[in-house]
Each structure stands twice: as C-alpha cells, then as structure tokens.
Amino acid sequence: MSVRALARKAATNLNIRWNKHTYVFELVESETPVLALNLEDRAASEVAQPAPQVTPTRLLALLDKAKAFSLLKKQQPDAVAGAEARTFGDEPQVTDFNDYEIRIEEVFRFNLEDTLVFHLTLRNKSEHPIRYLPESFCVRIGHRLYHQSISDAPGLLPPHAASTVYFAITGTPDGGRNELSLKNEFSVLVTRRDFLDCGTTDSRFL
C-alpha cells in the first residue's frame, strides 16, 4: 500500500490487522519520508525474551525513583539514565466509577527492569469510606490485563478525600517482556474490599 499526506504537518494512525494481531503505525508528514518499508515475520525458532528477574528490594527502589524522578533528573541524572516519564498534567487519564475515580498522573518506564511505575490519585466522591486491596492493582491495555508487581497504597479512601498511590507492573502475565510504550491508553483497576467483606463473589473493580 501507499500512504501520502494531503496537508503539511498532517498526522494520523494506521492500524493493520494481520495474523490475529493489530499493528499500529504513527504517520507524520515529513520532508524525508520513508519510501519503502518491509516487515518480516519473527522466525519460528526465535524465543521471546523473558522478563528480567526483579527483586522486591529493586522494585521498592524503582518506586522511590519514580517519586523523586523530577529531582533526580535535574540533580542526579545518572540515577534515572535510560528511564522515561510521561506526565499528564491538566489532562490525566481518568477511570470514573460514579462515586470514586482513579486518575493517572504520571507513568514511568524503567527499561532495564521492563517495569512501568504508575503515579495515581484515587478520589472518593461519596460520603462513605471505600476499602480496597492494595495488592490488587492492575492495568488494562486493550484487551490485556497486567497485574502489579508491587504497590504503595493505604487501602482506604476516606469520604470526600483523595489518596496518592504508586504501583508497578513488570513483564507480562506469561513471563515475557512487556516492552510497553508510555503512549498507550491505560485503565487502572483495583479490587474493592467491601464487596469481599460482604461475602459476595462479585469481581467488580474500583
């Protein structure tokens, strides 16, 4: 196929569905366009690279680096060399559940550890406290769920209050590297404890 921009600085996405996978290409008008692109299927004998073995101590260190990322970037850049950050500012990604919401404020990628760290704000809009399981955070990207490898969360949202949470995901559920881009659309989920305390099998999320 051929793709040609009809206006200066035009930009769009091209999604190609092939062999049960969707491939997303980001297209931008350029003075030096790509004239030809060949895509090759991964050799059948090639083995997917396994996720790195990251210790709990190392994961805690990554949470600390994420919390101090801006300061480290300025004063100790070697400490976050190779790491990336995406800050949402006034346009955070928000998952709204009527009486509470989860706002993604920042996402950090530590490539060596194949780990993403999420900085969230959980806000309770109701008049009742909300309890959740701090170890149950996960991220939905497309149709796939990535469960946390570590979190720093209180497990309780007081009425009409907000709480800061950090948690990380490492690798994929099947043990490979996730290689996730910070440009993805993320939805954060966490299991409510009050549903479990009531003896229900309901698997609803915050």
N, C-alpha and C. Protein backbone atom coordinates (compact mmCIF):
# COMPACT_ATOMS: atom_id res chain seq x y z
N MET A 1 0.84 -1.19 0.00
CA MET A 1 0.00 0.00 0.00
C MET A 1 0.88 1.24 0.00
N SER A 2 0.30 2.36 -0.39
CA SER A 2 0.98 3.65 -0.37
C SER A 2 0.16 4.62 0.46
N VAL A 3 0.85 5.45 1.24
CA VAL A 3 0.19 6.46 2.06
C VAL A 3 0.85 7.80 1.77
N ARG A 4 0.03 8.81 1.49
CA ARG A 4 0.56 10.14 1.16
C ARG A 4 -0.21 11.20 1.93
N ALA A 5 0.54 12.14 2.53
CA ALA A 5 -0.09 13.24 3.27
C ALA A 5 -0.68 14.24 2.29
N LEU A 6 -1.86 14.75 2.62
CA LEU A 6 -2.53 15.75 1.77
C LEU A 6 -2.38 17.15 2.32
N ALA A 7 -1.73 17.30 3.46
CA ALA A 7 -1.54 18.63 4.05
C ALA A 7 -0.24 18.64 4.84
N ARG A 8 0.32 19.82 5.00
CA ARG A 8 1.55 19.97 5.78
C ARG A 8 1.27 19.64 7.24
N LYS A 9 2.25 18.99 7.89
CA LYS A 9 2.19 18.64 9.30
C LYS A 9 1.02 17.71 9.63
N ALA A 10 0.51 17.02 8.64
CA ALA A 10 -0.57 16.06 8.88
C ALA A 10 -0.05 14.89 9.71
N ALA A 11 -0.90 14.35 10.54
CA ALA A 11 -0.53 13.20 11.39
C ALA A 11 -1.75 12.32 11.58
N THR A 12 -1.53 11.01 11.60
CA THR A 12 -2.63 10.08 11.81
C THR A 12 -2.07 8.73 12.23
N ASN A 13 -2.95 7.81 12.54
CA ASN A 13 -2.56 6.43 12.85
C ASN A 13 -3.07 5.50 11.77
N LEU A 14 -2.31 4.46 11.52
CA LEU A 14 -2.72 3.41 10.59
C LEU A 14 -2.70 2.10 11.34
N ASN A 15 -3.87 1.45 11.46
CA ASN A 15 -3.98 0.17 12.16
C ASN A 15 -4.12 -0.95 11.15
N ILE A 16 -3.25 -1.93 11.24
CA ILE A 16 -3.28 -3.07 10.34
C ILE A 16 -3.50 -4.33 11.15
N ARG A 17 -4.55 -5.06 10.83
CA ARG A 17 -4.88 -6.32 11.50
C ARG A 17 -4.34 -7.47 10.64
N TRP A 18 -3.43 -8.26 11.23
CA TRP A 18 -2.84 -9.36 10.49
C TRP A 18 -2.48 -10.49 11.45
N ASN A 19 -2.85 -11.70 11.08
CA ASN A 19 -2.48 -12.89 11.84
C ASN A 19 -2.89 -12.77 13.31
N LYS A 20 -4.12 -12.28 13.55
CA LYS A 20 -4.70 -12.15 14.88
C LYS A 20 -3.98 -11.12 15.75
N HIS A 21 -3.25 -10.21 15.14
CA HIS A 21 -2.58 -9.13 15.87
C HIS A 21 -2.89 -7.81 15.18
N THR A 22 -2.94 -6.73 15.98
CA THR A 22 -3.14 -5.40 15.43
C THR A 22 -1.83 -4.62 15.54
N TYR A 23 -1.37 -4.08 14.42
CA TYR A 23 -0.13 -3.30 14.38
C TYR A 23 -0.48 -1.84 14.13
N VAL A 24 0.01 -0.97 15.02
CA VAL A 24 -0.33 0.45 14.96
C VAL A 24 0.89 1.24 14.46
N PHE A 25 0.70 1.98 13.38
CA PHE A 25 1.75 2.82 12.81
C PHE A 25 1.36 4.28 13.00
N GLU A 26 2.27 5.07 13.55
CA GLU A 26 2.05 6.50 13.71
C GLU A 26 2.66 7.22 12.51
N LEU A 27 1.83 7.89 11.73
CA LEU A 27 2.27 8.53 10.50
C LEU A 27 2.30 10.05 10.67
N VAL A 28 3.40 10.66 10.26
CA VAL A 28 3.57 12.11 10.34
C VAL A 28 4.17 12.62 9.04
N GLU A 29 3.62 13.68 8.48
CA GLU A 29 4.14 14.27 7.24
C GLU A 29 5.56 14.74 7.46
N SER A 30 6.45 14.47 6.52
CA SER A 30 7.87 14.76 6.70
C SER A 30 8.52 15.15 5.38
N GLU A 31 9.60 15.95 5.51
CA GLU A 31 10.40 16.30 4.33
C GLU A 31 11.24 15.12 3.86
N THR A 32 11.45 14.16 4.75
CA THR A 32 12.24 12.98 4.41
C THR A 32 11.40 11.72 4.67
N PRO A 33 10.46 11.44 3.82
CA PRO A 33 9.53 10.33 4.07
C PRO A 33 10.21 8.97 3.90
N VAL A 34 9.60 7.98 4.52
CA VAL A 34 10.02 6.59 4.31
C VAL A 34 9.44 6.14 2.97
N LEU A 35 10.31 5.76 2.04
CA LEU A 35 9.87 5.40 0.70
C LEU A 35 9.49 3.93 0.58
N ALA A 36 10.09 3.10 1.42
CA ALA A 36 9.77 1.68 1.38
C ALA A 36 9.99 1.08 2.76
N LEU A 37 9.12 0.19 3.15
CA LEU A 37 9.21 -0.44 4.47
C LEU A 37 8.83 -1.90 4.32
N ASN A 38 9.74 -2.77 4.71
CA ASN A 38 9.49 -4.21 4.67
C ASN A 38 9.34 -4.74 6.09
N LEU A 39 8.28 -5.47 6.34
CA LEU A 39 8.05 -6.08 7.65
C LEU A 39 8.26 -7.58 7.52
N GLU A 40 9.05 -8.12 8.43
CA GLU A 40 9.36 -9.54 8.39
C GLU A 40 8.77 -10.24 9.60
N ASP A 41 8.20 -11.42 9.37
CA ASP A 41 7.66 -12.21 10.46
C ASP A 41 8.79 -12.74 11.32
N ARG A 42 8.57 -12.79 12.64
CA ARG A 42 9.57 -13.33 13.54
C ARG A 42 9.79 -14.81 13.23
N ALA A 43 11.04 -15.19 13.18
CA ALA A 43 11.36 -16.58 12.87
C ALA A 43 10.72 -17.50 13.90
N ALA A 44 10.22 -18.64 13.41
CA ALA A 44 9.52 -19.57 14.29
C ALA A 44 10.43 -20.08 15.40
N SER A 45 11.73 -20.11 15.13
CA SER A 45 12.66 -20.65 16.12
C SER A 45 13.08 -19.61 17.16
N GLU A 46 12.72 -18.36 16.91
CA GLU A 46 13.11 -17.31 17.83
C GLU A 46 12.29 -17.40 19.11
N VAL A 47 12.93 -17.35 20.24
CA VAL A 47 12.27 -17.46 21.52
C VAL A 47 12.07 -16.07 22.11
N ALA A 48 10.87 -15.79 22.59
CA ALA A 48 10.59 -14.49 23.19
C ALA A 48 11.51 -14.26 24.39
N GLN A 49 12.00 -13.03 24.50
CA GLN A 49 12.91 -12.70 25.58
C GLN A 49 12.17 -12.71 26.91
N PRO A 50 12.67 -13.43 27.90
CA PRO A 50 11.97 -13.49 29.19
C PRO A 50 12.08 -12.17 29.94
N ALA A 51 11.12 -11.94 30.81
CA ALA A 51 11.15 -10.74 31.65
C ALA A 51 12.32 -10.85 32.63
N PRO A 52 12.94 -9.73 32.98
CA PRO A 52 14.03 -9.77 33.94
C PRO A 52 13.54 -10.16 35.33
N GLN A 53 14.39 -10.79 36.09
CA GLN A 53 14.07 -11.14 37.47
C GLN A 53 14.37 -9.92 38.35
N VAL A 54 13.32 -9.28 38.84
CA VAL A 54 13.46 -8.06 39.62
C VAL A 54 13.07 -8.36 41.06
N THR A 55 13.97 -8.15 41.98
CA THR A 55 13.73 -8.46 43.39
C THR A 55 12.79 -7.42 44.02
N PRO A 56 12.12 -7.79 45.11
CA PRO A 56 11.28 -6.81 45.83
C PRO A 56 12.05 -5.57 46.24
N THR A 57 13.31 -5.74 46.64
CA THR A 57 14.13 -4.59 47.03
C THR A 57 14.33 -3.66 45.85
N ARG A 58 14.58 -4.23 44.68
CA ARG A 58 14.76 -3.42 43.47
C ARG A 58 13.47 -2.71 43.08
N LEU A 59 12.35 -3.39 43.22
CA LEU A 59 11.07 -2.77 42.90
C LEU A 59 10.77 -1.60 43.82
N LEU A 60 11.10 -1.74 45.12
CA LEU A 60 10.93 -0.63 46.04
C LEU A 60 11.79 0.56 45.63
N ALA A 61 13.00 0.26 45.16
CA ALA A 61 13.89 1.33 44.70
C ALA A 61 13.32 2.05 43.48
N LEU A 62 12.65 1.31 42.60
CA LEU A 62 12.03 1.93 41.43
C LEU A 62 10.87 2.84 41.83
N LEU A 63 10.09 2.42 42.82
CA LEU A 63 9.02 3.29 43.32
C LEU A 63 9.61 4.59 43.87
N ASP A 64 10.71 4.48 44.62
CA ASP A 64 11.35 5.67 45.19
C ASP A 64 11.88 6.58 44.08
N LYS A 65 12.44 5.97 43.03
CA LYS A 65 12.94 6.78 41.91
C LYS A 65 11.81 7.50 41.20
N ALA A 66 10.67 6.82 41.05
CA ALA A 66 9.53 7.46 40.40
C ALA A 66 9.03 8.65 41.22
N LYS A 67 8.98 8.49 42.53
CA LYS A 67 8.50 9.56 43.41
C LYS A 67 9.40 10.79 43.35
N ALA A 68 10.69 10.56 43.13
CA ALA A 68 11.64 11.68 43.11
C ALA A 68 12.20 11.91 41.71
N PHE A 69 11.47 11.49 40.70
CA PHE A 69 12.02 11.48 39.33
C PHE A 69 12.46 12.86 38.87
N SER A 70 11.61 13.87 39.06
CA SER A 70 11.96 15.22 38.58
C SER A 70 13.23 15.73 39.23
N LEU A 71 13.35 15.52 40.55
CA LEU A 71 14.54 15.97 41.27
C LEU A 71 15.78 15.20 40.82
N LEU A 72 15.65 13.89 40.68
CA LEU A 72 16.79 13.08 40.23
C LEU A 72 17.21 13.45 38.82
N LYS A 73 16.24 13.75 37.97
CA LYS A 73 16.56 14.12 36.59
C LYS A 73 17.43 15.37 36.53
N LYS A 74 17.21 16.30 37.48
CA LYS A 74 17.97 17.54 37.50
C LYS A 74 19.31 17.39 38.23
N GLN A 75 19.28 16.70 39.36
CA GLN A 75 20.46 16.69 40.23
C GLN A 75 21.31 15.43 40.10
N GLN A 76 20.70 14.31 39.78
CA GLN A 76 21.44 13.06 39.64
C GLN A 76 20.94 12.30 38.41
N PRO A 77 21.18 12.82 37.23
CA PRO A 77 20.63 12.21 36.01
C PRO A 77 21.09 10.77 35.79
N ASP A 78 22.26 10.42 36.29
CA ASP A 78 22.72 9.05 36.12
C ASP A 78 21.82 8.05 36.85
N ALA A 79 21.15 8.50 37.91
CA ALA A 79 20.30 7.62 38.69
C ALA A 79 19.05 7.19 37.92
N VAL A 80 18.66 7.98 36.91
CA VAL A 80 17.48 7.64 36.11
C VAL A 80 17.83 7.53 34.63
N ALA A 81 19.09 7.23 34.36
CA ALA A 81 19.53 7.07 32.97
C ALA A 81 18.76 5.91 32.33
N GLY A 82 18.25 6.15 31.14
CA GLY A 82 17.50 5.12 30.44
C GLY A 82 16.03 5.04 30.81
N ALA A 83 15.63 5.80 31.81
CA ALA A 83 14.22 5.80 32.23
C ALA A 83 13.46 6.87 31.44
N GLU A 84 12.17 6.63 31.26
CA GLU A 84 11.29 7.58 30.56
C GLU A 84 10.14 7.96 31.48
N ALA A 85 9.56 9.12 31.22
CA ALA A 85 8.43 9.58 32.02
C ALA A 85 7.38 10.23 31.13
N ARG A 86 6.14 10.04 31.49
CA ARG A 86 5.03 10.72 30.83
C ARG A 86 4.17 11.36 31.90
N THR A 87 4.04 12.67 31.85
CA THR A 87 3.24 13.42 32.81
C THR A 87 1.99 13.93 32.12
N PHE A 88 0.83 13.71 32.73
CA PHE A 88 -0.44 14.06 32.09
C PHE A 88 -0.88 15.48 32.42
N GLY A 89 -0.35 16.07 33.48
CA GLY A 89 -0.67 17.46 33.79
C GLY A 89 -2.15 17.69 33.99
N ASP A 90 -2.70 18.65 33.23
CA ASP A 90 -4.10 19.01 33.37
C ASP A 90 -5.04 18.04 32.66
N GLU A 91 -4.49 17.05 31.97
CA GLU A 91 -5.32 16.09 31.25
C GLU A 91 -4.96 14.66 31.65
N PRO A 92 -5.18 14.31 32.91
CA PRO A 92 -4.85 12.95 33.35
C PRO A 92 -5.80 11.92 32.73
N GLN A 93 -5.35 10.70 32.60
CA GLN A 93 -6.24 9.63 32.17
C GLN A 93 -7.07 9.23 33.39
N VAL A 94 -8.39 9.33 33.27
CA VAL A 94 -9.28 9.11 34.39
C VAL A 94 -10.22 7.95 34.10
N THR A 95 -10.31 7.04 35.06
CA THR A 95 -11.33 5.99 35.02
C THR A 95 -12.35 6.33 36.10
N ASP A 96 -13.57 6.67 35.68
CA ASP A 96 -14.59 7.17 36.60
C ASP A 96 -15.59 6.07 36.92
N PHE A 97 -15.86 5.87 38.23
CA PHE A 97 -16.80 4.86 38.67
C PHE A 97 -17.90 5.49 39.53
N ASN A 98 -18.40 6.62 39.06
CA ASN A 98 -19.52 7.32 39.71
C ASN A 98 -19.14 7.91 41.06
N ASP A 99 -19.02 7.10 42.11
CA ASP A 99 -18.73 7.68 43.42
C ASP A 99 -17.24 7.70 43.75
N TYR A 100 -16.41 7.25 42.84
CA TYR A 100 -14.95 7.33 43.01
C TYR A 100 -14.29 7.30 41.64
N GLU A 101 -13.06 7.72 41.58
CA GLU A 101 -12.34 7.74 40.32
C GLU A 101 -10.87 7.46 40.54
N ILE A 102 -10.22 6.97 39.50
CA ILE A 102 -8.78 6.73 39.51
C ILE A 102 -8.17 7.59 38.41
N ARG A 103 -7.27 8.46 38.82
CA ARG A 103 -6.62 9.39 37.89
C ARG A 103 -5.15 9.00 37.75
N ILE A 104 -4.70 8.81 36.53
CA ILE A 104 -3.29 8.55 36.27
C ILE A 104 -2.60 9.89 36.09
N GLU A 105 -1.71 10.22 37.00
CA GLU A 105 -1.00 11.49 36.95
C GLU A 105 0.30 11.38 36.14
N GLU A 106 1.04 10.29 36.35
CA GLU A 106 2.32 10.08 35.67
C GLU A 106 2.54 8.59 35.46
N VAL A 107 3.32 8.28 34.43
CA VAL A 107 3.76 6.90 34.21
C VAL A 107 5.26 6.95 33.89
N PHE A 108 6.01 6.03 34.48
CA PHE A 108 7.46 5.96 34.29
C PHE A 108 7.81 4.57 33.75
N ARG A 109 8.75 4.53 32.82
CA ARG A 109 9.23 3.24 32.32
C ARG A 109 10.72 3.09 32.62
N PHE A 110 11.05 2.00 33.31
CA PHE A 110 12.44 1.63 33.59
C PHE A 110 12.75 0.43 32.70
N ASN A 111 13.44 0.70 31.60
CA ASN A 111 13.59 -0.30 30.55
C ASN A 111 14.39 -1.52 30.99
N LEU A 112 15.48 -1.30 31.74
CA LEU A 112 16.32 -2.42 32.16
C LEU A 112 15.50 -3.45 32.93
N GLU A 113 14.59 -2.98 33.78
CA GLU A 113 13.76 -3.87 34.58
C GLU A 113 12.43 -4.21 33.89
N ASP A 114 12.21 -3.65 32.68
CA ASP A 114 10.96 -3.86 31.95
C ASP A 114 9.77 -3.58 32.86
N THR A 115 9.83 -2.47 33.57
CA THR A 115 8.84 -2.13 34.60
C THR A 115 8.26 -0.75 34.35
N LEU A 116 6.94 -0.64 34.47
CA LEU A 116 6.25 0.64 34.44
C LEU A 116 5.76 0.96 35.84
N VAL A 117 6.00 2.18 36.28
CA VAL A 117 5.52 2.64 37.58
C VAL A 117 4.44 3.69 37.34
N PHE A 118 3.30 3.52 38.00
CA PHE A 118 2.16 4.42 37.84
C PHE A 118 1.99 5.28 39.10
N HIS A 119 1.84 6.57 38.88
CA HIS A 119 1.51 7.52 39.95
C HIS A 119 0.04 7.88 39.78
N LEU A 120 -0.77 7.54 40.78
CA LEU A 120 -2.21 7.73 40.70
C LEU A 120 -2.73 8.66 41.78
N THR A 121 -3.91 9.21 41.52
CA THR A 121 -4.70 9.84 42.56
C THR A 121 -6.05 9.12 42.59
N LEU A 122 -6.38 8.53 43.74
CA LEU A 122 -7.69 7.92 43.95
C LEU A 122 -8.55 8.91 44.71
N ARG A 123 -9.73 9.21 44.19
CA ARG A 123 -10.59 10.21 44.83
C ARG A 123 -11.96 9.61 45.13
N ASN A 124 -12.36 9.71 46.38
CA ASN A 124 -13.65 9.23 46.84
C ASN A 124 -14.65 10.39 46.78
N LYS A 125 -15.68 10.25 45.95
CA LYS A 125 -16.68 11.31 45.81
C LYS A 125 -17.93 11.05 46.65
N SER A 126 -17.89 10.00 47.46
CA SER A 126 -19.07 9.62 48.24
C SER A 126 -18.93 10.04 49.70
N GLU A 127 -19.97 9.79 50.46
CA GLU A 127 -19.97 10.10 51.89
C GLU A 127 -19.56 8.89 52.74
N HIS A 128 -19.11 7.84 52.10
CA HIS A 128 -18.75 6.62 52.82
C HIS A 128 -17.31 6.23 52.50
N PRO A 129 -16.58 5.66 53.46
CA PRO A 129 -15.22 5.21 53.17
C PRO A 129 -15.23 4.04 52.20
N ILE A 130 -14.21 3.95 51.40
CA ILE A 130 -14.07 2.86 50.44
C ILE A 130 -12.78 2.11 50.76
N ARG A 131 -12.90 0.81 50.95
CA ARG A 131 -11.74 -0.03 51.23
C ARG A 131 -11.44 -0.87 50.00
N TYR A 132 -10.14 -1.04 49.72
CA TYR A 132 -9.72 -1.83 48.56
C TYR A 132 -8.47 -2.63 48.94
N LEU A 133 -8.12 -3.58 48.10
CA LEU A 133 -6.96 -4.43 48.35
C LEU A 133 -5.72 -3.80 47.70
N PRO A 134 -4.76 -3.33 48.50
CA PRO A 134 -3.59 -2.66 47.94
C PRO A 134 -2.76 -3.54 47.00
N GLU A 135 -2.88 -4.87 47.15
CA GLU A 135 -2.09 -5.78 46.31
C GLU A 135 -2.80 -6.16 45.02
N SER A 136 -3.95 -5.52 44.72
CA SER A 136 -4.77 -5.96 43.59
C SER A 136 -4.74 -5.03 42.39
N PHE A 137 -3.88 -4.03 42.37
CA PHE A 137 -3.86 -3.10 41.23
C PHE A 137 -3.45 -3.83 39.95
N CYS A 138 -4.10 -3.45 38.86
CA CYS A 138 -3.72 -3.97 37.55
C CYS A 138 -4.04 -2.92 36.50
N VAL A 139 -3.46 -3.09 35.33
CA VAL A 139 -3.64 -2.14 34.23
C VAL A 139 -4.23 -2.87 33.04
N ARG A 140 -5.26 -2.28 32.46
CA ARG A 140 -5.82 -2.82 31.22
C ARG A 140 -5.30 -2.00 30.06
N ILE A 141 -4.69 -2.69 29.10
CA ILE A 141 -4.23 -2.07 27.86
C ILE A 141 -4.84 -2.87 26.73
N GLY A 142 -5.79 -2.27 26.02
CA GLY A 142 -6.52 -3.03 25.02
C GLY A 142 -7.37 -4.08 25.72
N HIS A 143 -7.16 -5.34 25.37
CA HIS A 143 -7.91 -6.43 25.98
C HIS A 143 -7.05 -7.23 26.95
N ARG A 144 -5.89 -6.71 27.33
CA ARG A 144 -4.99 -7.48 28.17
C ARG A 144 -4.81 -6.81 29.53
N LEU A 145 -4.72 -7.63 30.58
CA LEU A 145 -4.50 -7.14 31.93
C LEU A 145 -3.08 -7.45 32.38
N TYR A 146 -2.47 -6.45 33.03
CA TYR A 146 -1.13 -6.60 33.61
C TYR A 146 -1.24 -6.35 35.11
N HIS A 147 -0.96 -7.37 35.91
CA HIS A 147 -1.10 -7.27 37.35
C HIS A 147 0.16 -6.69 37.98
N GLN A 148 -0.04 -6.03 39.11
CA GLN A 148 1.06 -5.33 39.76
C GLN A 148 2.16 -6.27 40.23
N SER A 149 3.38 -5.74 40.28
CA SER A 149 4.49 -6.45 40.90
C SER A 149 4.78 -5.88 42.29
N ILE A 150 4.32 -4.65 42.55
CA ILE A 150 4.47 -4.02 43.86
C ILE A 150 3.58 -2.79 43.91
N SER A 151 3.19 -2.37 45.11
CA SER A 151 2.40 -1.14 45.24
C SER A 151 2.70 -0.47 46.57
N ASP A 152 2.42 0.82 46.60
CA ASP A 152 2.48 1.62 47.82
C ASP A 152 1.13 2.33 47.92
N ALA A 153 0.20 1.72 48.67
CA ALA A 153 -1.17 2.22 48.74
C ALA A 153 -1.74 1.95 50.12
N PRO A 154 -2.55 2.87 50.67
CA PRO A 154 -3.06 2.71 52.03
C PRO A 154 -4.20 1.70 52.15
N GLY A 155 -4.94 1.45 51.06
CA GLY A 155 -6.05 0.51 51.13
C GLY A 155 -7.35 1.10 51.62
N LEU A 156 -7.38 2.40 51.92
CA LEU A 156 -8.58 3.05 52.42
C LEU A 156 -8.71 4.44 51.83
N LEU A 157 -9.92 4.75 51.35
CA LEU A 157 -10.25 6.08 50.86
C LEU A 157 -11.31 6.68 51.78
N PRO A 158 -10.96 7.68 52.59
CA PRO A 158 -11.96 8.32 53.44
C PRO A 158 -13.00 9.05 52.59
N PRO A 159 -14.15 9.37 53.16
CA PRO A 159 -15.18 10.10 52.41
C PRO A 159 -14.67 11.45 51.90
N HIS A 160 -15.01 11.78 50.68
CA HIS A 160 -14.67 13.06 50.06
C HIS A 160 -13.17 13.37 50.20
N ALA A 161 -12.34 12.38 50.00
CA ALA A 161 -10.89 12.56 50.15
C ALA A 161 -10.17 11.97 48.95
N ALA A 162 -8.91 12.37 48.81
CA ALA A 162 -8.06 11.86 47.73
C ALA A 162 -6.83 11.21 48.34
N SER A 163 -6.29 10.24 47.64
CA SER A 163 -5.14 9.49 48.13
C SER A 163 -4.16 9.28 46.98
N THR A 164 -2.86 9.42 47.27
CA THR A 164 -1.82 9.18 46.28
C THR A 164 -1.34 7.73 46.36
N VAL A 165 -1.22 7.11 45.21
CA VAL A 165 -0.82 5.71 45.13
C VAL A 165 0.26 5.55 44.06
N TYR A 166 1.22 4.68 44.35
CA TYR A 166 2.20 4.27 43.35
C TYR A 166 2.15 2.74 43.25
N PHE A 167 2.19 2.23 42.04
CA PHE A 167 2.33 0.79 41.86
C PHE A 167 3.06 0.51 40.55
N ALA A 168 3.56 -0.71 40.41
CA ALA A 168 4.37 -1.07 39.25
C ALA A 168 3.87 -2.35 38.62
N ILE A 169 4.09 -2.48 37.32
CA ILE A 169 3.89 -3.75 36.62
C ILE A 169 5.22 -4.12 35.96
N THR A 170 5.54 -5.40 35.97
CA THR A 170 6.81 -5.88 35.43
C THR A 170 6.54 -7.06 34.52
N GLY A 171 7.08 -7.01 33.29
CA GLY A 171 6.91 -8.12 32.37
C GLY A 171 5.47 -8.32 31.96
N THR A 172 5.17 -9.54 31.49
CA THR A 172 3.82 -9.89 31.06
C THR A 172 3.30 -11.04 31.92
N PRO A 173 1.99 -11.30 31.88
CA PRO A 173 1.44 -12.40 32.68
C PRO A 173 2.05 -13.77 32.36
N ASP A 174 2.56 -13.94 31.13
CA ASP A 174 3.14 -15.23 30.76
C ASP A 174 4.66 -15.27 30.91
N GLY A 175 5.23 -14.25 31.56
CA GLY A 175 6.65 -14.28 31.89
C GLY A 175 7.58 -13.65 30.88
N GLY A 176 7.05 -13.03 29.83
CA GLY A 176 7.89 -12.36 28.85
C GLY A 176 8.07 -10.88 29.16
N ARG A 177 8.83 -10.19 28.34
CA ARG A 177 8.97 -8.75 28.47
C ARG A 177 7.72 -8.08 27.90
N ASN A 178 7.27 -7.01 28.57
CA ASN A 178 6.08 -6.33 28.05
C ASN A 178 6.42 -5.28 27.00
N GLU A 179 7.60 -4.64 27.13
CA GLU A 179 8.03 -3.61 26.17
C GLU A 179 6.93 -2.58 25.93
N LEU A 180 6.19 -2.23 26.97
CA LEU A 180 5.06 -1.33 26.82
C LEU A 180 5.51 0.12 26.64
N SER A 181 4.88 0.79 25.70
CA SER A 181 5.16 2.20 25.45
C SER A 181 4.35 3.07 26.39
N LEU A 182 4.90 4.22 26.75
CA LEU A 182 4.18 5.18 27.58
C LEU A 182 3.06 5.87 26.81
N LYS A 183 2.99 5.67 25.50
CA LYS A 183 1.96 6.30 24.68
C LYS A 183 0.64 5.54 24.71
N ASN A 184 0.62 4.39 25.37
CA ASN A 184 -0.60 3.60 25.44
C ASN A 184 -1.70 4.32 26.20
N GLU A 185 -2.94 3.89 25.96
CA GLU A 185 -4.08 4.31 26.77
C GLU A 185 -4.22 3.29 27.90
N PHE A 186 -4.14 3.76 29.14
CA PHE A 186 -4.15 2.87 30.30
C PHE A 186 -5.46 3.02 31.07
N SER A 187 -5.97 1.91 31.56
CA SER A 187 -7.09 1.92 32.51
C SER A 187 -6.64 1.15 33.74
N VAL A 188 -6.76 1.77 34.90
CA VAL A 188 -6.31 1.15 36.14
C VAL A 188 -7.50 0.58 36.90
N LEU A 189 -7.33 -0.63 37.41
CA LEU A 189 -8.38 -1.32 38.16
C LEU A 189 -7.82 -1.78 39.50
N VAL A 190 -8.69 -1.89 40.48
CA VAL A 190 -8.30 -2.40 41.79
C VAL A 190 -9.53 -3.02 42.43
N THR A 191 -9.35 -4.09 43.17
CA THR A 191 -10.49 -4.81 43.75
C THR A 191 -10.96 -4.14 45.03
N ARG A 192 -12.26 -3.93 45.13
CA ARG A 192 -12.84 -3.34 46.35
C ARG A 192 -12.94 -4.39 47.44
N ARG A 193 -12.50 -4.02 48.62
CA ARG A 193 -12.54 -4.95 49.75
C ARG A 193 -13.93 -5.06 50.35
N ASP A 194 -14.70 -3.98 50.28
CA ASP A 194 -16.01 -4.02 50.92
C ASP A 194 -16.94 -5.01 50.23
N PHE A 195 -16.76 -5.25 48.91
CA PHE A 195 -17.53 -6.28 48.25
C PHE A 195 -17.16 -7.65 48.79
N LEU A 196 -15.84 -7.86 49.00
CA LEU A 196 -15.39 -9.16 49.50
C LEU A 196 -15.86 -9.38 50.93
N ASP A 197 -15.84 -8.32 51.75
CA ASP A 197 -16.26 -8.44 53.14
C ASP A 197 -17.73 -8.81 53.27
N CYS A 198 -18.52 -8.47 52.24
CA CYS A 198 -19.94 -8.77 52.29
C CYS A 198 -20.24 -10.22 51.87
N GLY A 199 -19.18 -10.97 51.56
CA GLY A 199 -19.35 -12.37 51.22
C GLY A 199 -19.78 -12.61 49.78
N THR A 200 -19.65 -11.61 48.93
CA THR A 200 -20.05 -11.77 47.54
C THR A 200 -18.87 -12.22 46.70
N THR A 201 -19.18 -12.85 45.59
CA THR A 201 -18.14 -13.25 44.64
C THR A 201 -18.01 -12.22 43.52
N ASP A 202 -18.66 -11.10 43.69
CA ASP A 202 -18.60 -10.04 42.70
C ASP A 202 -17.15 -9.62 42.48
N SER A 203 -16.74 -9.57 41.21
CA SER A 203 -15.36 -9.20 40.89
C SER A 203 -15.28 -7.77 40.36
N ARG A 204 -16.18 -6.91 40.81
CA ARG A 204 -16.14 -5.52 40.37
C ARG A 204 -14.87 -4.86 40.86
N PHE A 205 -14.46 -3.84 40.10
CA PHE A 205 -13.24 -3.11 40.41
C PHE A 205 -13.57 -1.69 40.79
N LEU A 206 -12.60 -1.06 41.46
CA LEU A 206 -12.69 0.39 41.65
C LEU A 206 -12.63 1.06 40.30
